[in-house]
C-alpha atoms as a PDB file:
ATOM      1  CA  MET A   1       0.455 -20.586   2.006  1.00  0.00           C
ATOM      2  CA  LEU A   2       0.948 -16.880   2.677  1.00  0.00           C
ATOM      3  CA  ILE A   3      -0.760 -15.089   5.568  1.00  0.00           C
ATOM      4  CA  ASP A   4      -1.371 -11.328   5.411  1.00  0.00           C
ATOM      5  CA  HIS A   5      -1.724 -10.160   9.028  1.00  0.00           C
ATOM      6  CA  ARG A   6      -2.891  -6.533   9.110  1.00  0.00           C
ATOM      7  CA  THR A   7      -3.146  -4.338  12.190  1.00  0.00           C
ATOM      8  CA  TYR A   8      -4.864  -0.941  12.064  1.00  0.00           C
ATOM      9  CA  ALA A   9      -4.998   1.741  14.756  1.00  0.00           C
ATOM     10  CA  VAL A  10      -7.849   4.237  14.954  1.00  0.00           C
ATOM     11  CA  LYS A  11      -8.360   7.462  16.859  1.00  0.00           C
ATOM     12  CA  PRO A  12      -9.801   6.840  20.328  1.00  0.00           C
ATOM     13  CA  GLY A  13     -13.586   6.761  20.250  1.00  0.00           C
ATOM     14  CA  THR A  14     -13.851   5.961  16.534  1.00  0.00           C
ATOM     15  CA  MET A  15     -13.684   2.148  16.458  1.00  0.00           C
ATOM     16  CA  ALA A  16     -17.437   1.639  16.076  1.00  0.00           C
ATOM     17  CA  LYS A  17     -17.568   4.263  13.308  1.00  0.00           C
ATOM     18  CA  GLN A  18     -14.605   2.704  11.484  1.00  0.00           C
ATOM     19  CA  LEU A  19     -16.094  -0.787  11.633  1.00  0.00           C
ATOM     20  CA  ALA A  20     -19.503   0.494  10.476  1.00  0.00           C
ATOM     21  CA  LEU A  21     -17.884   2.317   7.547  1.00  0.00           C
ATOM     22  CA  TYR A  22     -16.014  -0.823   6.535  1.00  0.00           C
ATOM     23  CA  GLU A  23     -19.091  -3.024   6.912  1.00  0.00           C
ATOM     24  CA  GLU A  24     -21.190  -0.694   4.758  1.00  0.00           C
ATOM     25  CA  TYR A  25     -18.690   0.068   1.991  1.00  0.00           C
ATOM     26  CA  GLY A  26     -15.615  -2.174   2.195  1.00  0.00           C
ATOM     27  CA  LEU A  27     -16.669  -5.641   3.275  1.00  0.00           C
ATOM     28  CA  VAL A  28     -18.491  -6.747   0.116  1.00  0.00           C
ATOM     29  CA  PRO A  29     -15.870  -5.663  -2.439  1.00  0.00           C
ATOM     30  CA  GLN A  30     -13.039  -6.976  -0.283  1.00  0.00           C
ATOM     31  CA  LYS A  31     -14.649 -10.390   0.138  1.00  0.00           C
ATOM     32  CA  ARG A  32     -15.468 -10.416  -3.586  1.00  0.00           C
ATOM     33  CA  HIS A  33     -11.748 -10.393  -4.372  1.00  0.00           C
ATOM     34  CA  LEU A  34     -10.016 -11.815  -1.307  1.00  0.00           C
ATOM     35  CA  GLY A  35     -12.591 -14.337  -0.095  1.00  0.00           C
ATOM     36  CA  GLU A  36     -13.430 -14.798   3.565  1.00  0.00           C
ATOM     37  CA  PRO A  37     -10.848 -13.525   6.046  1.00  0.00           C
ATOM     38  CA  LEU A  38      -9.301 -16.066   8.380  1.00  0.00           C
ATOM     39  CA  ALA A  39     -10.093 -13.599  11.176  1.00  0.00           C
ATOM     40  CA  TYR A  40     -11.321 -10.049  11.763  1.00  0.00           C
ATOM     41  CA  LEU A  41     -10.650  -9.073  15.370  1.00  0.00           C
ATOM     42  CA  VAL A  42     -11.012  -6.045  17.653  1.00  0.00           C
ATOM     43  CA  THR A  43      -8.487  -5.639  20.469  1.00  0.00           C
ATOM     44  CA  GLU A  44      -9.926  -5.959  23.980  1.00  0.00           C
ATOM     45  CA  SER A  45      -6.734  -5.352  25.974  1.00  0.00           C
ATOM     46  CA  GLY A  46      -3.170  -4.320  25.338  1.00  0.00           C
ATOM     47  CA  GLU A  47      -2.894  -2.113  22.268  1.00  0.00           C
ATOM     48  CA  VAL A  48      -6.443  -0.750  22.429  1.00  0.00           C
ATOM     49  CA  ASN A  49      -8.022   1.164  19.541  1.00  0.00           C
ATOM     50  CA  THR A  50      -6.642  -1.434  17.142  1.00  0.00           C
ATOM     51  CA  TYR A  51      -8.147  -4.152  15.023  1.00  0.00           C
ATOM     52  CA  VAL A  52      -6.634  -6.993  13.047  1.00  0.00           C
ATOM     53  CA  HIS A  53      -7.680  -8.836   9.958  1.00  0.00           C
ATOM     54  CA  ILE A  54      -5.961 -11.887   8.545  1.00  0.00           C
ATOM     55  CA  TRP A  55      -6.171 -13.054   4.928  1.00  0.00           C
ATOM     56  CA  VAL A  56      -4.911 -16.302   3.431  1.00  0.00           C
ATOM     57  CA  TYR A  57      -3.340 -16.628  -0.023  1.00  0.00           C
ATOM     58  CA  LYS A  58      -1.741 -19.497  -1.908  1.00  0.00           C
ATOM     59  CA  ASP A  59       1.440 -17.472  -2.394  1.00  0.00           C
ATOM     60  CA  ALA A  60       2.729 -13.973  -3.165  1.00  0.00           C
ATOM     61  CA  ALA A  61       1.536 -14.120  -6.788  1.00  0.00           C
ATOM     62  CA  ASP A  62      -1.996 -15.048  -5.676  1.00  0.00           C
ATOM     63  CA  ARG A  63      -1.973 -12.154  -3.186  1.00  0.00           C
ATOM     64  CA  ALA A  64      -0.727  -9.682  -5.814  1.00  0.00           C
ATOM     65  CA  ALA A  65      -3.349 -10.745  -8.368  1.00  0.00           C
ATOM     66  CA  ARG A  66      -6.276 -10.627  -5.948  1.00  0.00           C
ATOM     67  CA  ARG A  67      -5.227  -7.293  -4.438  1.00  0.00           C
ATOM     68  CA  ALA A  68      -4.749  -5.778  -7.916  1.00  0.00           C
ATOM     69  CA  ALA A  69      -8.257  -6.855  -8.907  1.00  0.00           C
ATOM     70  CA  MET A  70      -9.636  -5.372  -5.698  1.00  0.00           C
ATOM     71  CA  ALA A  71      -7.768  -2.097  -6.220  1.00  0.00           C
ATOM     72  CA  ALA A  72      -9.390  -1.772  -9.659  1.00  0.00           C
ATOM     73  CA  ASP A  73     -12.906  -2.397  -8.319  1.00  0.00           C
ATOM     74  CA  PRO A  74     -15.009   0.820  -8.340  1.00  0.00           C
ATOM     75  CA  ASP A  75     -16.814  -0.271  -5.150  1.00  0.00           C
ATOM     76  CA  TRP A  76     -13.459  -0.622  -3.366  1.00  0.00           C
ATOM     77  CA  GLN A  77     -12.476   2.833  -4.620  1.00  0.00           C
ATOM     78  CA  VAL A  78     -15.651   4.255  -3.030  1.00  0.00           C
ATOM     79  CA  TYR A  79     -14.684   2.661   0.281  1.00  0.00           C
ATOM     80  CA  LEU A  80     -11.136   4.026   0.102  1.00  0.00           C
ATOM     81  CA  GLN A  81     -12.456   7.529  -0.576  1.00  0.00           C
ATOM     82  CA  LYS A  82     -14.971   7.414   2.274  1.00  0.00           C
ATOM     83  CA  ASN A  83     -12.344   5.942   4.577  1.00  0.00           C
ATOM     84  CA  ALA A  84      -9.916   8.758   3.751  1.00  0.00           C
ATOM     85  CA  GLU A  85     -12.616  11.391   4.255  1.00  0.00           C
ATOM     86  CA  ALA A  86     -13.583   9.950   7.656  1.00  0.00           C
ATOM     87  CA  GLY A  87     -10.004  10.138   8.914  1.00  0.00           C
ATOM     88  CA  TYR A  88     -10.425   7.524  11.648  1.00  0.00           C
ATOM     89  CA  LEU A  89      -7.277   5.526  10.822  1.00  0.00           C
ATOM     90  CA  ILE A  90      -3.972   6.679  12.258  1.00  0.00           C
ATOM     91  CA  ALA A  91      -1.650   3.711  11.585  1.00  0.00           C
ATOM     92  CA  GLN A  92      -1.385   0.459   9.663  1.00  0.00           C
ATOM     93  CA  ARG A  93       1.043  -2.449   9.909  1.00  0.00           C
ATOM     94  CA  ASN A  94       1.132  -5.434   7.545  1.00  0.00           C
ATOM     95  CA  ASN A  95       3.045  -8.649   8.192  1.00  0.00           C
ATOM     96  CA  LEU A  96       3.308 -11.313   5.512  1.00  0.00           C
ATOM     97  CA  MET A  97       3.829 -14.640   7.240  1.00  0.00           C
ATOM     98  CA  THR A  98       3.960 -18.378   6.547  1.00  0.00           C
ATOM     99  CA  PRO A  99       2.742 -21.090   8.926  1.00  0.00           C
ATOM    100  CA  ALA A 100       5.324 -23.108  10.819  1.00  0.00           C
ATOM    101  CA  PRO A 101       5.579 -26.659   9.421  1.00  0.00           C
ATOM    102  CA  PHE A 102       4.210 -28.183  12.638  1.00  0.00           C
ATOM    103  CA  ALA A 103       1.151 -25.878  12.781  1.00  0.00           C
ATOM    104  CA  PRO A 104      -0.495 -25.728   9.358  1.00  0.00           C
ATOM    105  CA  ILE A 105      -3.591 -23.605   8.872  1.00  0.00           C
ATOM    106  CA  LYS A 106      -6.526 -25.672   7.692  1.00  0.00           C
ATOM    107  CA  ARG A 107      -9.083 -23.877   5.536  1.00  0.00           C
END
């Protein structure tokens, strides 16, 4: 199992706009290719103005295939364009991780 843990930072005051943009244009095509996220979270304390989403894949090849299909999806391209035009995002960090043997993730 491969976990893709993604953290995004947005400009202060734009979180609601960013989430609305994603919900309207990005959610459906992303779920079409990646399935349901393990989690989609908004930070309440600590590193504010950030949100996290976590996706689960069988392995690196599964991740590469699903992300390639998503990248080729015209609906996903619309979201990427609108996201770039909005300019809310200021940083992104991706961590590919595997569960510890004593704490498997059950899906």
